[in-house]
Amino acid sequence: MNKRKRAFALLCTALAAVMLAGSAFAQTPLLRRGSRGEDVRQMQGNLIYLGYLNDVADGIFGPKTEAAVRLYQSKNALAVDGIVGSATRGKVVKEVLLLNKILDTAKQYLGLPYKTAGTSPETGFDCSGFTQYVFRQAGISIPRVSRDQAKAGTAVSYSQMRPGDLVCFNSPVSHVGIYLGGGKFIHSPKPGDKIKITELRYMDLTAIRRFTGVV
C-alpha cells in the first residue's frame, strides 16, 4: 500500500462518511457493472485499500470491480450480487474507517520513548502495550503480551497483509507492531529507543494477525 493509495482511500472515506448520515446515504444510487463516475471511484479506492481489488480506481465499474464486490460480499455475510447497495456500501465504509482510526491513533505517538512494561501514553509503551492500547482506542480488545497477541485474531498470509494488521516477529514471538502498508510498520522497539516506523525487510516476520475484518 503506497502513500498515494492511502491518501486516496482517506479521501474516499471522508466523502463516504458524510454519506453515511441521514437519508442521503439511503438514496445513493446502486452501483453495478456499467456504472461510471466518482461514486464508483470512491468504492474502488476503498476496495483497493481493504485488499479486495488489485486494480486502479478509474471510475468504471467493470468485471474486476464486480468480482471484488462479490468477494467482499461473500466474506462479509452480505447478499452476493455484485451490486453496491446501502448494506455493502455501509459495511465497506465502516471497515475503512476502522483501519484509519487504528493507523491515525498509532501515528499520534511517533517519537514517544519506549518504556519497559509501559501501557499508556503517560508512561510510554513497550511493544505489546503500544499495540494493545492502539487497538483498544478503536474498540478492539487484544491480549497484553506479544506471544498471546500473536495467537489472537485471524492468521493472515503475507500476500493478504493490509494496513491495520498486527505484525509479529521472531520465533518464539517476542516483538509486535502494526502494519502501515508499503512494506512499513509502526512499533515501540526497545529500551533507549522510541516509537517509530521501520521497514519490514529489516525484521524477522513470523506471523500476521488480523483484528479488523475477515481474511
N, C-alpha and C. Protein backbone atom coordinates (compact mmCIF):
# COMPACT_ATOMS: atom_id res chain seq x y z
N MET A 1 0.86 -1.19 0.00
CA MET A 1 0.00 0.00 0.00
C MET A 1 0.90 1.23 0.00
N ASN A 2 0.90 2.02 -1.15
CA ASN A 2 1.75 3.19 -1.18
C ASN A 2 1.00 4.42 -0.67
N LYS A 3 1.76 5.53 -0.55
CA LYS A 3 1.17 6.73 0.03
C LYS A 3 0.01 7.24 -0.79
N ARG A 4 0.10 7.07 -2.11
CA ARG A 4 -0.97 7.57 -2.96
C ARG A 4 -2.28 6.84 -2.72
N LYS A 5 -2.17 5.50 -2.61
CA LYS A 5 -3.37 4.70 -2.36
C LYS A 5 -3.96 5.04 -1.01
N ARG A 6 -3.09 5.21 -0.02
CA ARG A 6 -3.57 5.55 1.34
C ARG A 6 -4.28 6.89 1.33
N ALA A 7 -3.65 7.89 0.65
CA ALA A 7 -4.25 9.22 0.60
C ALA A 7 -5.59 9.18 -0.13
N PHE A 8 -5.63 8.38 -1.21
CA PHE A 8 -6.87 8.29 -1.96
C PHE A 8 -7.95 7.63 -1.13
N ALA A 9 -7.58 6.57 -0.40
CA ALA A 9 -8.55 5.89 0.45
C ALA A 9 -9.08 6.80 1.54
N LEU A 10 -8.20 7.63 2.10
CA LEU A 10 -8.62 8.58 3.12
C LEU A 10 -9.64 9.56 2.56
N LEU A 11 -9.38 10.04 1.33
CA LEU A 11 -10.30 10.96 0.69
C LEU A 11 -11.64 10.27 0.43
N CYS A 12 -11.56 9.03 -0.07
CA CYS A 12 -12.78 8.28 -0.33
C CYS A 12 -13.59 8.09 0.95
N THR A 13 -12.89 7.79 2.02
CA THR A 13 -13.55 7.53 3.29
C THR A 13 -14.23 8.78 3.82
N ALA A 14 -13.53 9.91 3.74
CA ALA A 14 -14.10 11.16 4.23
C ALA A 14 -15.39 11.49 3.49
N LEU A 15 -15.37 11.29 2.18
CA LEU A 15 -16.56 11.57 1.40
C LEU A 15 -17.67 10.58 1.72
N ALA A 16 -17.29 9.30 1.85
CA ALA A 16 -18.29 8.27 2.11
C ALA A 16 -18.88 8.41 3.51
N ALA A 17 -18.07 8.86 4.47
CA ALA A 17 -18.55 9.00 5.84
C ALA A 17 -19.70 10.00 5.91
N VAL A 18 -19.59 11.05 5.11
CA VAL A 18 -20.67 12.04 5.08
C VAL A 18 -21.95 11.39 4.57
N MET A 19 -21.77 10.49 3.62
CA MET A 19 -22.93 9.84 3.01
C MET A 19 -23.61 8.87 3.97
N LEU A 20 -22.90 8.47 5.01
CA LEU A 20 -23.49 7.53 5.96
C LEU A 20 -24.60 8.18 6.78
N ALA A 21 -24.57 9.46 6.93
CA ALA A 21 -25.52 10.16 7.80
C ALA A 21 -26.79 10.52 7.03
N GLY A 22 -27.92 10.26 7.67
CA GLY A 22 -29.19 10.74 7.13
C GLY A 22 -29.67 9.98 5.93
N SER A 23 -30.72 10.48 5.33
CA SER A 23 -31.36 9.80 4.23
C SER A 23 -30.57 9.90 2.94
N ALA A 24 -29.66 10.84 2.86
CA ALA A 24 -28.87 10.98 1.64
C ALA A 24 -28.15 9.69 1.32
N PHE A 25 -27.66 9.01 2.38
CA PHE A 25 -26.95 7.75 2.16
C PHE A 25 -27.88 6.70 1.57
N ALA A 26 -29.10 6.62 2.15
CA ALA A 26 -30.04 5.62 1.67
C ALA A 26 -30.45 5.87 0.23
N GLN A 27 -30.39 7.14 -0.21
CA GLN A 27 -30.82 7.49 -1.55
C GLN A 27 -29.69 7.41 -2.57
N THR A 28 -28.48 7.03 -2.13
CA THR A 28 -27.37 6.92 -3.06
C THR A 28 -27.68 5.86 -4.10
N PRO A 29 -27.43 6.14 -5.37
CA PRO A 29 -27.78 5.17 -6.42
C PRO A 29 -26.99 3.86 -6.26
N LEU A 30 -27.59 2.77 -6.71
CA LEU A 30 -26.88 1.50 -6.72
C LEU A 30 -25.74 1.56 -7.72
N LEU A 31 -24.65 0.89 -7.37
CA LEU A 31 -23.52 0.78 -8.28
C LEU A 31 -23.45 -0.65 -8.78
N ARG A 32 -23.34 -0.80 -10.09
CA ARG A 32 -23.29 -2.14 -10.68
C ARG A 32 -22.46 -2.07 -11.96
N ARG A 33 -22.22 -3.25 -12.56
CA ARG A 33 -21.42 -3.26 -13.78
C ARG A 33 -22.01 -2.31 -14.81
N GLY A 34 -21.13 -1.47 -15.35
CA GLY A 34 -21.57 -0.45 -16.30
C GLY A 34 -21.69 0.93 -15.68
N SER A 35 -21.78 0.99 -14.35
CA SER A 35 -21.83 2.30 -13.68
C SER A 35 -20.49 3.02 -13.85
N ARG A 36 -20.57 4.34 -13.87
CA ARG A 36 -19.35 5.16 -14.01
C ARG A 36 -19.48 6.38 -13.12
N GLY A 37 -18.33 6.95 -12.78
CA GLY A 37 -18.35 8.21 -12.05
C GLY A 37 -17.60 8.17 -10.74
N GLU A 38 -17.75 9.26 -9.99
CA GLU A 38 -16.99 9.44 -8.75
C GLU A 38 -17.41 8.45 -7.67
N ASP A 39 -18.69 8.11 -7.60
CA ASP A 39 -19.13 7.11 -6.62
C ASP A 39 -18.43 5.77 -6.84
N VAL A 40 -18.29 5.39 -8.10
CA VAL A 40 -17.59 4.14 -8.42
C VAL A 40 -16.13 4.25 -8.02
N ARG A 41 -15.53 5.38 -8.32
CA ARG A 41 -14.11 5.56 -8.00
C ARG A 41 -13.87 5.49 -6.50
N GLN A 42 -14.76 6.08 -5.73
CA GLN A 42 -14.63 6.02 -4.27
C GLN A 42 -14.70 4.58 -3.78
N MET A 43 -15.66 3.82 -4.30
CA MET A 43 -15.79 2.43 -3.88
C MET A 43 -14.57 1.62 -4.30
N GLN A 44 -14.08 1.84 -5.50
CA GLN A 44 -12.88 1.13 -5.95
C GLN A 44 -11.69 1.44 -5.04
N GLY A 45 -11.53 2.71 -4.68
CA GLY A 45 -10.43 3.10 -3.80
C GLY A 45 -10.51 2.38 -2.47
N ASN A 46 -11.70 2.27 -1.91
CA ASN A 46 -11.86 1.59 -0.64
C ASN A 46 -11.61 0.08 -0.77
N LEU A 47 -12.06 -0.52 -1.86
CA LEU A 47 -11.81 -1.95 -2.07
C LEU A 47 -10.33 -2.24 -2.26
N ILE A 48 -9.62 -1.32 -2.90
CA ILE A 48 -8.17 -1.46 -3.04
C ILE A 48 -7.51 -1.40 -1.66
N TYR A 49 -7.92 -0.43 -0.88
CA TYR A 49 -7.37 -0.23 0.47
C TYR A 49 -7.60 -1.46 1.34
N LEU A 50 -8.77 -2.09 1.20
CA LEU A 50 -9.11 -3.25 2.00
C LEU A 50 -8.53 -4.55 1.46
N GLY A 51 -7.89 -4.47 0.30
CA GLY A 51 -7.22 -5.65 -0.24
C GLY A 51 -8.08 -6.54 -1.12
N TYR A 52 -9.23 -6.05 -1.55
CA TYR A 52 -10.12 -6.87 -2.36
C TYR A 52 -9.99 -6.60 -3.86
N LEU A 53 -9.43 -5.48 -4.22
CA LEU A 53 -9.31 -5.12 -5.63
C LEU A 53 -7.86 -4.79 -5.96
N ASN A 54 -7.31 -5.54 -6.89
CA ASN A 54 -5.93 -5.29 -7.34
C ASN A 54 -6.01 -4.62 -8.70
N ASP A 55 -6.29 -3.34 -8.70
CA ASP A 55 -6.52 -2.61 -9.94
C ASP A 55 -6.39 -1.13 -9.65
N VAL A 56 -6.74 -0.30 -10.60
CA VAL A 56 -6.74 1.14 -10.40
C VAL A 56 -8.17 1.62 -10.21
N ALA A 57 -8.32 2.72 -9.48
CA ALA A 57 -9.64 3.32 -9.29
C ALA A 57 -9.89 4.27 -10.45
N ASP A 58 -10.54 3.76 -11.49
CA ASP A 58 -10.74 4.56 -12.70
C ASP A 58 -12.17 5.05 -12.87
N GLY A 59 -13.06 4.72 -11.92
CA GLY A 59 -14.44 5.18 -12.01
C GLY A 59 -15.29 4.40 -12.97
N ILE A 60 -14.79 3.25 -13.44
CA ILE A 60 -15.55 2.42 -14.37
C ILE A 60 -15.83 1.07 -13.71
N PHE A 61 -17.07 0.75 -13.48
CA PHE A 61 -17.47 -0.49 -12.80
C PHE A 61 -17.46 -1.62 -13.82
N GLY A 62 -16.30 -2.26 -13.96
CA GLY A 62 -16.14 -3.35 -14.90
C GLY A 62 -16.10 -4.70 -14.21
N PRO A 63 -15.68 -5.75 -14.92
CA PRO A 63 -15.69 -7.10 -14.35
C PRO A 63 -14.79 -7.27 -13.13
N LYS A 64 -13.63 -6.59 -13.09
CA LYS A 64 -12.74 -6.71 -11.93
C LYS A 64 -13.38 -6.11 -10.69
N THR A 65 -14.02 -4.97 -10.85
CA THR A 65 -14.69 -4.34 -9.71
C THR A 65 -15.84 -5.20 -9.25
N GLU A 66 -16.61 -5.74 -10.18
CA GLU A 66 -17.73 -6.61 -9.81
C GLU A 66 -17.23 -7.84 -9.04
N ALA A 67 -16.11 -8.43 -9.50
CA ALA A 67 -15.56 -9.61 -8.82
C ALA A 67 -15.11 -9.24 -7.41
N ALA A 68 -14.52 -8.05 -7.26
CA ALA A 68 -14.08 -7.60 -5.93
C ALA A 68 -15.28 -7.38 -5.01
N VAL A 69 -16.34 -6.80 -5.53
CA VAL A 69 -17.55 -6.58 -4.74
C VAL A 69 -18.15 -7.92 -4.31
N ARG A 70 -18.23 -8.87 -5.24
CA ARG A 70 -18.77 -10.19 -4.91
C ARG A 70 -17.92 -10.87 -3.84
N LEU A 71 -16.61 -10.76 -3.94
CA LEU A 71 -15.73 -11.37 -2.95
C LEU A 71 -15.95 -10.74 -1.58
N TYR A 72 -16.03 -9.42 -1.57
CA TYR A 72 -16.28 -8.73 -0.29
C TYR A 72 -17.61 -9.18 0.31
N GLN A 73 -18.63 -9.24 -0.52
CA GLN A 73 -19.95 -9.63 -0.04
C GLN A 73 -19.93 -11.06 0.52
N SER A 74 -19.25 -11.96 -0.19
CA SER A 74 -19.24 -13.36 0.24
C SER A 74 -18.52 -13.54 1.57
N LYS A 75 -17.52 -12.75 1.82
CA LYS A 75 -16.74 -12.86 3.05
C LYS A 75 -17.38 -12.10 4.22
N ASN A 76 -18.35 -11.27 3.94
CA ASN A 76 -18.93 -10.44 4.98
C ASN A 76 -20.42 -10.67 5.18
N ALA A 77 -20.87 -11.86 4.84
CA ALA A 77 -22.25 -12.28 5.08
C ALA A 77 -23.27 -11.32 4.46
N LEU A 78 -22.96 -10.83 3.27
CA LEU A 78 -23.86 -9.97 2.53
C LEU A 78 -24.42 -10.74 1.33
N ALA A 79 -25.53 -10.27 0.79
CA ALA A 79 -26.07 -10.88 -0.42
C ALA A 79 -25.06 -10.73 -1.55
N VAL A 80 -24.70 -11.84 -2.16
CA VAL A 80 -23.66 -11.82 -3.19
C VAL A 80 -24.30 -11.59 -4.56
N ASP A 81 -24.38 -10.32 -4.94
CA ASP A 81 -24.98 -9.98 -6.23
C ASP A 81 -24.08 -9.09 -7.08
N GLY A 82 -22.92 -8.68 -6.54
CA GLY A 82 -22.01 -7.83 -7.29
C GLY A 82 -22.49 -6.41 -7.44
N ILE A 83 -23.54 -6.05 -6.69
CA ILE A 83 -24.12 -4.70 -6.74
C ILE A 83 -23.85 -4.00 -5.42
N VAL A 84 -23.41 -2.76 -5.48
CA VAL A 84 -23.15 -1.99 -4.26
C VAL A 84 -24.40 -1.20 -3.90
N GLY A 85 -25.12 -1.72 -2.90
CA GLY A 85 -26.26 -1.00 -2.34
C GLY A 85 -25.89 -0.47 -0.97
N SER A 86 -26.89 -0.08 -0.19
CA SER A 86 -26.61 0.55 1.09
C SER A 86 -25.91 -0.39 2.07
N ALA A 87 -26.28 -1.68 2.06
CA ALA A 87 -25.67 -2.62 3.01
C ALA A 87 -24.19 -2.83 2.71
N THR A 88 -23.88 -3.06 1.45
CA THR A 88 -22.47 -3.27 1.07
C THR A 88 -21.67 -2.01 1.28
N ARG A 89 -22.20 -0.88 0.84
CA ARG A 89 -21.50 0.39 0.99
C ARG A 89 -21.24 0.70 2.47
N GLY A 90 -22.25 0.49 3.30
CA GLY A 90 -22.10 0.80 4.72
C GLY A 90 -21.04 -0.06 5.38
N LYS A 91 -21.00 -1.35 5.03
CA LYS A 91 -20.01 -2.26 5.62
C LYS A 91 -18.60 -1.88 5.18
N VAL A 92 -18.42 -1.57 3.92
CA VAL A 92 -17.10 -1.17 3.40
C VAL A 92 -16.61 0.09 4.10
N VAL A 93 -17.47 1.10 4.17
CA VAL A 93 -17.08 2.37 4.79
C VAL A 93 -16.72 2.17 6.26
N LYS A 94 -17.52 1.38 6.97
CA LYS A 94 -17.24 1.14 8.39
C LYS A 94 -15.89 0.48 8.58
N GLU A 95 -15.55 -0.46 7.71
CA GLU A 95 -14.26 -1.16 7.83
C GLU A 95 -13.09 -0.22 7.53
N VAL A 96 -13.25 0.60 6.51
CA VAL A 96 -12.19 1.56 6.17
C VAL A 96 -11.98 2.56 7.30
N LEU A 97 -13.07 3.05 7.87
CA LEU A 97 -12.96 3.99 8.98
C LEU A 97 -12.23 3.36 10.17
N LEU A 98 -12.48 2.07 10.41
CA LEU A 98 -11.80 1.37 11.50
C LEU A 98 -10.30 1.31 11.25
N LEU A 99 -9.89 0.96 10.04
CA LEU A 99 -8.46 0.90 9.73
C LEU A 99 -7.82 2.27 9.89
N ASN A 100 -8.49 3.30 9.41
CA ASN A 100 -7.95 4.65 9.52
C ASN A 100 -7.80 5.08 10.97
N LYS A 101 -8.77 4.69 11.81
CA LYS A 101 -8.70 5.01 13.24
C LYS A 101 -7.46 4.39 13.87
N ILE A 102 -7.19 3.14 13.54
CA ILE A 102 -6.02 2.45 14.08
C ILE A 102 -4.73 3.11 13.64
N LEU A 103 -4.60 3.37 12.35
CA LEU A 103 -3.35 3.96 11.85
C LEU A 103 -3.15 5.38 12.36
N ASP A 104 -4.21 6.15 12.38
CA ASP A 104 -4.10 7.54 12.84
C ASP A 104 -3.74 7.59 14.32
N THR A 105 -4.34 6.71 15.12
CA THR A 105 -4.02 6.66 16.55
C THR A 105 -2.57 6.28 16.76
N ALA A 106 -2.11 5.26 16.06
CA ALA A 106 -0.73 4.80 16.22
C ALA A 106 0.27 5.91 15.89
N LYS A 107 0.01 6.64 14.83
CA LYS A 107 0.96 7.67 14.40
C LYS A 107 1.01 8.88 15.34
N GLN A 108 -0.03 9.02 16.16
CA GLN A 108 -0.02 10.13 17.13
C GLN A 108 1.14 10.01 18.11
N TYR A 109 1.63 8.79 18.30
CA TYR A 109 2.64 8.55 19.34
C TYR A 109 4.05 8.36 18.79
N LEU A 110 4.24 8.69 17.53
CA LEU A 110 5.60 8.65 16.97
C LEU A 110 6.53 9.52 17.82
N GLY A 111 7.66 8.97 18.19
CA GLY A 111 8.63 9.72 18.99
C GLY A 111 8.51 9.52 20.49
N LEU A 112 7.43 8.85 20.93
CA LEU A 112 7.27 8.61 22.37
C LEU A 112 8.29 7.56 22.81
N PRO A 113 9.05 7.82 23.87
CA PRO A 113 10.09 6.87 24.29
C PRO A 113 9.53 5.52 24.72
N TYR A 114 10.31 4.47 24.46
CA TYR A 114 9.98 3.12 24.91
C TYR A 114 10.01 3.08 26.43
N LYS A 115 9.08 2.32 27.00
CA LYS A 115 9.04 2.13 28.44
C LYS A 115 8.79 0.65 28.73
N THR A 116 9.70 -0.01 29.43
CA THR A 116 9.51 -1.40 29.80
C THR A 116 8.21 -1.57 30.59
N ALA A 117 7.37 -2.50 30.14
CA ALA A 117 6.06 -2.78 30.75
C ALA A 117 5.10 -1.60 30.63
N GLY A 118 5.40 -0.62 29.78
CA GLY A 118 4.55 0.54 29.63
C GLY A 118 3.29 0.24 28.84
N THR A 119 2.18 0.84 29.28
CA THR A 119 0.89 0.57 28.64
C THR A 119 0.07 1.82 28.37
N SER A 120 0.66 3.01 28.54
CA SER A 120 -0.13 4.23 28.34
C SER A 120 0.75 5.35 27.81
N PRO A 121 0.14 6.34 27.17
CA PRO A 121 0.91 7.48 26.67
C PRO A 121 1.60 8.24 27.79
N GLU A 122 1.02 8.21 28.98
CA GLU A 122 1.60 8.96 30.10
C GLU A 122 2.93 8.35 30.55
N THR A 123 3.05 7.03 30.48
CA THR A 123 4.28 6.37 30.94
C THR A 123 5.20 5.98 29.79
N GLY A 124 4.64 5.86 28.61
CA GLY A 124 5.37 5.27 27.48
C GLY A 124 4.90 3.83 27.30
N PHE A 125 5.33 3.19 26.19
CA PHE A 125 4.86 1.85 25.86
C PHE A 125 6.01 0.89 25.61
N ASP A 126 5.78 -0.39 25.99
CA ASP A 126 6.60 -1.43 25.39
C ASP A 126 5.88 -1.84 24.10
N CYS A 127 6.41 -2.82 23.38
CA CYS A 127 5.85 -3.11 22.06
C CYS A 127 4.40 -3.56 22.12
N SER A 128 4.09 -4.50 23.00
CA SER A 128 2.72 -5.02 23.05
C SER A 128 1.78 -4.10 23.81
N GLY A 129 2.32 -3.31 24.73
CA GLY A 129 1.50 -2.31 25.39
C GLY A 129 1.02 -1.28 24.38
N PHE A 130 1.89 -0.94 23.43
CA PHE A 130 1.54 0.02 22.38
C PHE A 130 0.44 -0.54 21.47
N THR A 131 0.62 -1.75 20.97
CA THR A 131 -0.37 -2.31 20.06
C THR A 131 -1.71 -2.52 20.78
N GLN A 132 -1.66 -3.00 22.00
CA GLN A 132 -2.91 -3.20 22.75
C GLN A 132 -3.65 -1.88 22.94
N TYR A 133 -2.92 -0.84 23.28
CA TYR A 133 -3.54 0.47 23.51
C TYR A 133 -4.17 1.00 22.22
N VAL A 134 -3.44 0.92 21.12
CA VAL A 134 -3.94 1.45 19.85
C VAL A 134 -5.22 0.73 19.44
N PHE A 135 -5.22 -0.59 19.51
CA PHE A 135 -6.43 -1.33 19.14
C PHE A 135 -7.58 -1.02 20.09
N ARG A 136 -7.27 -0.84 21.36
CA ARG A 136 -8.33 -0.53 22.32
C ARG A 136 -9.02 0.78 21.97
N GLN A 137 -8.26 1.77 21.50
CA GLN A 137 -8.87 3.05 21.12
C GLN A 137 -9.83 2.91 19.96
N ALA A 138 -9.67 1.83 19.20
CA ALA A 138 -10.59 1.57 18.09
C ALA A 138 -11.69 0.59 18.50
N GLY A 139 -11.76 0.28 19.81
CA GLY A 139 -12.81 -0.60 20.30
C GLY A 139 -12.51 -2.07 20.17
N ILE A 140 -11.22 -2.42 19.99
CA ILE A 140 -10.82 -3.81 19.80
C ILE A 140 -9.96 -4.26 20.97
N SER A 141 -10.35 -5.34 21.61
CA SER A 141 -9.62 -5.87 22.76
C SER A 141 -8.69 -6.99 22.31
N ILE A 142 -7.39 -6.86 22.60
CA ILE A 142 -6.43 -7.90 22.29
C ILE A 142 -5.61 -8.19 23.54
N PRO A 143 -4.94 -9.36 23.61
CA PRO A 143 -4.16 -9.71 24.80
C PRO A 143 -3.04 -8.71 25.08
N ARG A 144 -2.47 -8.81 26.27
CA ARG A 144 -1.46 -7.85 26.72
C ARG A 144 -0.07 -8.11 26.16
N VAL A 145 0.38 -9.37 26.11
CA VAL A 145 1.77 -9.64 25.75
C VAL A 145 1.89 -10.14 24.31
N SER A 146 3.06 -9.95 23.73
CA SER A 146 3.26 -10.22 22.31
C SER A 146 2.98 -11.67 21.93
N ARG A 147 3.43 -12.62 22.75
CA ARG A 147 3.23 -14.03 22.39
C ARG A 147 1.75 -14.39 22.34
N ASP A 148 0.94 -13.76 23.20
CA ASP A 148 -0.50 -14.02 23.18
C ASP A 148 -1.19 -13.25 22.06
N GLN A 149 -0.73 -12.05 21.78
CA GLN A 149 -1.28 -11.30 20.65
C GLN A 149 -1.07 -12.05 19.34
N ALA A 150 0.07 -12.75 19.24
CA ALA A 150 0.40 -13.49 18.02
C ALA A 150 -0.47 -14.71 17.81
N LYS A 151 -1.26 -15.09 18.81
CA LYS A 151 -2.17 -16.22 18.70
C LYS A 151 -3.63 -15.78 18.57
N ALA A 152 -3.89 -14.50 18.78
CA ALA A 152 -5.26 -13.99 18.77
C ALA A 152 -5.65 -13.54 17.35
N GLY A 153 -6.90 -13.16 17.20
CA GLY A 153 -7.35 -12.70 15.89
C GLY A 153 -7.34 -13.82 14.86
N THR A 154 -7.14 -13.44 13.61
CA THR A 154 -7.14 -14.38 12.49
C THR A 154 -5.79 -14.35 11.78
N ALA A 155 -5.26 -15.51 11.48
CA ALA A 155 -3.98 -15.59 10.77
C ALA A 155 -4.13 -15.04 9.35
N VAL A 156 -3.11 -14.32 8.91
CA VAL A 156 -3.11 -13.71 7.57
C VAL A 156 -1.82 -14.09 6.86
N SER A 157 -1.91 -14.43 5.59
CA SER A 157 -0.71 -14.71 4.81
C SER A 157 -0.04 -13.41 4.40
N TYR A 158 1.23 -13.50 4.04
CA TYR A 158 1.98 -12.31 3.64
C TYR A 158 1.31 -11.63 2.44
N SER A 159 0.82 -12.42 1.50
CA SER A 159 0.21 -11.84 0.30
C SER A 159 -1.10 -11.13 0.58
N GLN A 160 -1.74 -11.44 1.71
CA GLN A 160 -3.03 -10.83 2.07
C GLN A 160 -2.89 -9.69 3.09
N MET A 161 -1.68 -9.43 3.54
CA MET A 161 -1.47 -8.42 4.57
C MET A 161 -1.96 -7.05 4.10
N ARG A 162 -2.57 -6.32 5.01
CA ARG A 162 -3.06 -4.98 4.68
C ARG A 162 -2.83 -4.06 5.89
N PRO A 163 -2.92 -2.74 5.70
CA PRO A 163 -2.77 -1.81 6.82
C PRO A 163 -3.72 -2.15 7.96
N GLY A 164 -3.22 -2.01 9.19
CA GLY A 164 -4.01 -2.32 10.37
C GLY A 164 -3.79 -3.71 10.92
N ASP A 165 -3.09 -4.57 10.17
CA ASP A 165 -2.79 -5.91 10.67
C ASP A 165 -1.67 -5.85 11.71
N LEU A 166 -1.72 -6.77 12.66
CA LEU A 166 -0.66 -6.91 13.65
C LEU A 166 0.46 -7.74 13.02
N VAL A 167 1.69 -7.24 13.07
CA VAL A 167 2.84 -7.98 12.56
C VAL A 167 3.68 -8.45 13.75
N CYS A 168 4.10 -9.72 13.71
CA CYS A 168 4.76 -10.36 14.84
C CYS A 168 6.14 -10.86 14.39
N PHE A 169 7.11 -10.77 15.28
CA PHE A 169 8.48 -11.05 14.89
C PHE A 169 9.16 -12.04 15.84
N ASN A 170 10.09 -12.78 15.25
CA ASN A 170 10.95 -13.74 15.94
C ASN A 170 10.19 -15.02 16.28
N SER A 171 10.93 -16.06 16.62
CA SER A 171 10.35 -17.34 16.98
C SER A 171 11.08 -17.91 18.20
N PRO A 172 10.40 -17.99 19.35
CA PRO A 172 9.01 -17.59 19.57
C PRO A 172 8.83 -16.08 19.47
N VAL A 173 7.60 -15.65 19.25
CA VAL A 173 7.32 -14.22 19.05
C VAL A 173 7.71 -13.42 20.29
N SER A 174 8.48 -12.36 20.06
CA SER A 174 8.93 -11.51 21.16
C SER A 174 8.77 -10.03 20.85
N HIS A 175 8.20 -9.72 19.68
CA HIS A 175 8.02 -8.32 19.31
C HIS A 175 6.84 -8.20 18.36
N VAL A 176 6.10 -7.08 18.46
CA VAL A 176 4.93 -6.85 17.61
C VAL A 176 4.86 -5.39 17.19
N GLY A 177 4.13 -5.15 16.12
CA GLY A 177 3.88 -3.79 15.64
C GLY A 177 2.62 -3.79 14.78
N ILE A 178 2.33 -2.67 14.15
CA ILE A 178 1.14 -2.53 13.32
C ILE A 178 1.55 -2.15 11.90
N TYR A 179 1.08 -2.94 10.95
CA TYR A 179 1.45 -2.71 9.55
C TYR A 179 0.78 -1.45 9.02
N LEU A 180 1.56 -0.63 8.32
CA LEU A 180 1.06 0.63 7.76
C LEU A 180 0.81 0.56 6.27
N GLY A 181 1.35 -0.47 5.61
CA GLY A 181 1.32 -0.53 4.16
C GLY A 181 2.67 -0.13 3.59
N GLY A 182 2.88 -0.43 2.31
CA GLY A 182 4.12 -0.05 1.66
C GLY A 182 5.35 -0.71 2.25
N GLY A 183 5.18 -1.88 2.88
CA GLY A 183 6.32 -2.58 3.46
C GLY A 183 6.82 -1.99 4.76
N LYS A 184 6.00 -1.14 5.42
CA LYS A 184 6.44 -0.49 6.66
C LYS A 184 5.47 -0.76 7.80
N PHE A 185 5.99 -0.69 9.01
CA PHE A 185 5.15 -0.86 10.19
C PHE A 185 5.59 0.10 11.28
N ILE A 186 4.71 0.32 12.24
CA ILE A 186 4.99 1.22 13.36
C ILE A 186 5.07 0.38 14.63
N HIS A 187 6.05 0.71 15.49
CA HIS A 187 6.25 -0.10 16.70
C HIS A 187 7.03 0.68 17.74
N SER A 188 7.01 0.14 18.96
CA SER A 188 7.83 0.66 20.07
C SER A 188 8.96 -0.34 20.27
N PRO A 189 10.16 -0.06 19.78
CA PRO A 189 11.17 -1.09 19.57
C PRO A 189 11.85 -1.69 20.80
N LYS A 190 12.50 -0.85 21.63
CA LYS A 190 13.32 -1.40 22.70
C LYS A 190 13.75 -0.27 23.64
N PRO A 191 14.26 -0.63 24.83
CA PRO A 191 14.74 0.41 25.76
C PRO A 191 15.76 1.33 25.09
N GLY A 192 15.62 2.61 25.34
CA GLY A 192 16.52 3.60 24.74
C GLY A 192 16.08 4.07 23.37
N ASP A 193 15.04 3.45 22.83
CA ASP A 193 14.52 3.83 21.52
C ASP A 193 13.16 4.50 21.71
N LYS A 194 12.47 4.78 20.61
CA LYS A 194 11.17 5.45 20.67
C LYS A 194 10.27 4.89 19.59
N ILE A 195 8.99 5.16 19.69
CA ILE A 195 8.04 4.68 18.69
C ILE A 195 8.41 5.26 17.33
N LYS A 196 8.51 4.38 16.34
CA LYS A 196 8.96 4.82 15.02
C LYS A 196 8.44 3.88 13.94
N ILE A 197 8.68 4.26 12.71
CA ILE A 197 8.28 3.47 11.55
C ILE A 197 9.52 2.77 10.99
N THR A 198 9.39 1.48 10.73
CA THR A 198 10.52 0.67 10.26
C THR A 198 10.06 -0.16 9.07
N GLU A 199 10.99 -0.51 8.20
CA GLU A 199 10.68 -1.37 7.06
C GLU A 199 10.69 -2.83 7.50
N LEU A 200 9.71 -3.58 7.03
CA LEU A 200 9.59 -4.98 7.39
C LEU A 200 10.82 -5.79 6.98
N ARG A 201 11.48 -5.41 5.91
CA ARG A 201 12.58 -6.21 5.39
C ARG A 201 13.74 -6.31 6.37
N TYR A 202 13.77 -5.43 7.36
CA TYR A 202 14.84 -5.49 8.35
C TYR A 202 14.50 -6.40 9.52
N MET A 203 13.30 -7.01 9.51
CA MET A 203 12.82 -7.76 10.65
C MET A 203 12.55 -9.22 10.30
N ASP A 204 12.50 -10.06 11.32
CA ASP A 204 12.19 -11.48 11.16
C ASP A 204 10.69 -11.67 11.37
N LEU A 205 9.92 -11.44 10.31
CA LEU A 205 8.46 -11.53 10.38
C LEU A 205 8.04 -13.00 10.44
N THR A 206 7.32 -13.37 11.49
CA THR A 206 6.94 -14.77 11.66
C THR A 206 5.43 -15.00 11.74
N ALA A 207 4.65 -13.94 11.93
CA ALA A 207 3.19 -14.11 11.98
C ALA A 207 2.52 -12.78 11.68
N ILE A 208 1.31 -12.87 11.10
CA ILE A 208 0.47 -11.70 10.83
C ILE A 208 -0.92 -12.05 11.34
N ARG A 209 -1.51 -11.15 12.13
CA ARG A 209 -2.83 -11.41 12.70
C ARG A 209 -3.76 -10.24 12.39
N ARG A 210 -5.02 -10.56 12.12
CA ARG A 210 -6.00 -9.51 11.79
C ARG A 210 -7.10 -9.47 12.84
N PHE A 211 -7.40 -8.22 13.26
CA PHE A 211 -8.48 -7.96 14.21
C PHE A 211 -9.53 -7.03 13.62
N THR A 212 -9.39 -6.67 12.35
CA THR A 212 -10.18 -5.59 11.77
C THR A 212 -11.13 -6.04 10.66
N GLY A 213 -11.32 -7.33 10.50
CA GLY A 213 -12.19 -7.81 9.44
C GLY A 213 -11.80 -9.21 9.04
N VAL A 214 -12.52 -9.79 8.09
CA VAL A 214 -12.25 -11.16 7.68
C VAL A 214 -11.09 -11.21 6.70
N VAL A 215 -10.54 -12.38 6.55
CA VAL A 215 -9.42 -12.59 5.61
C VAL A 215 -9.98 -13.18 4.33
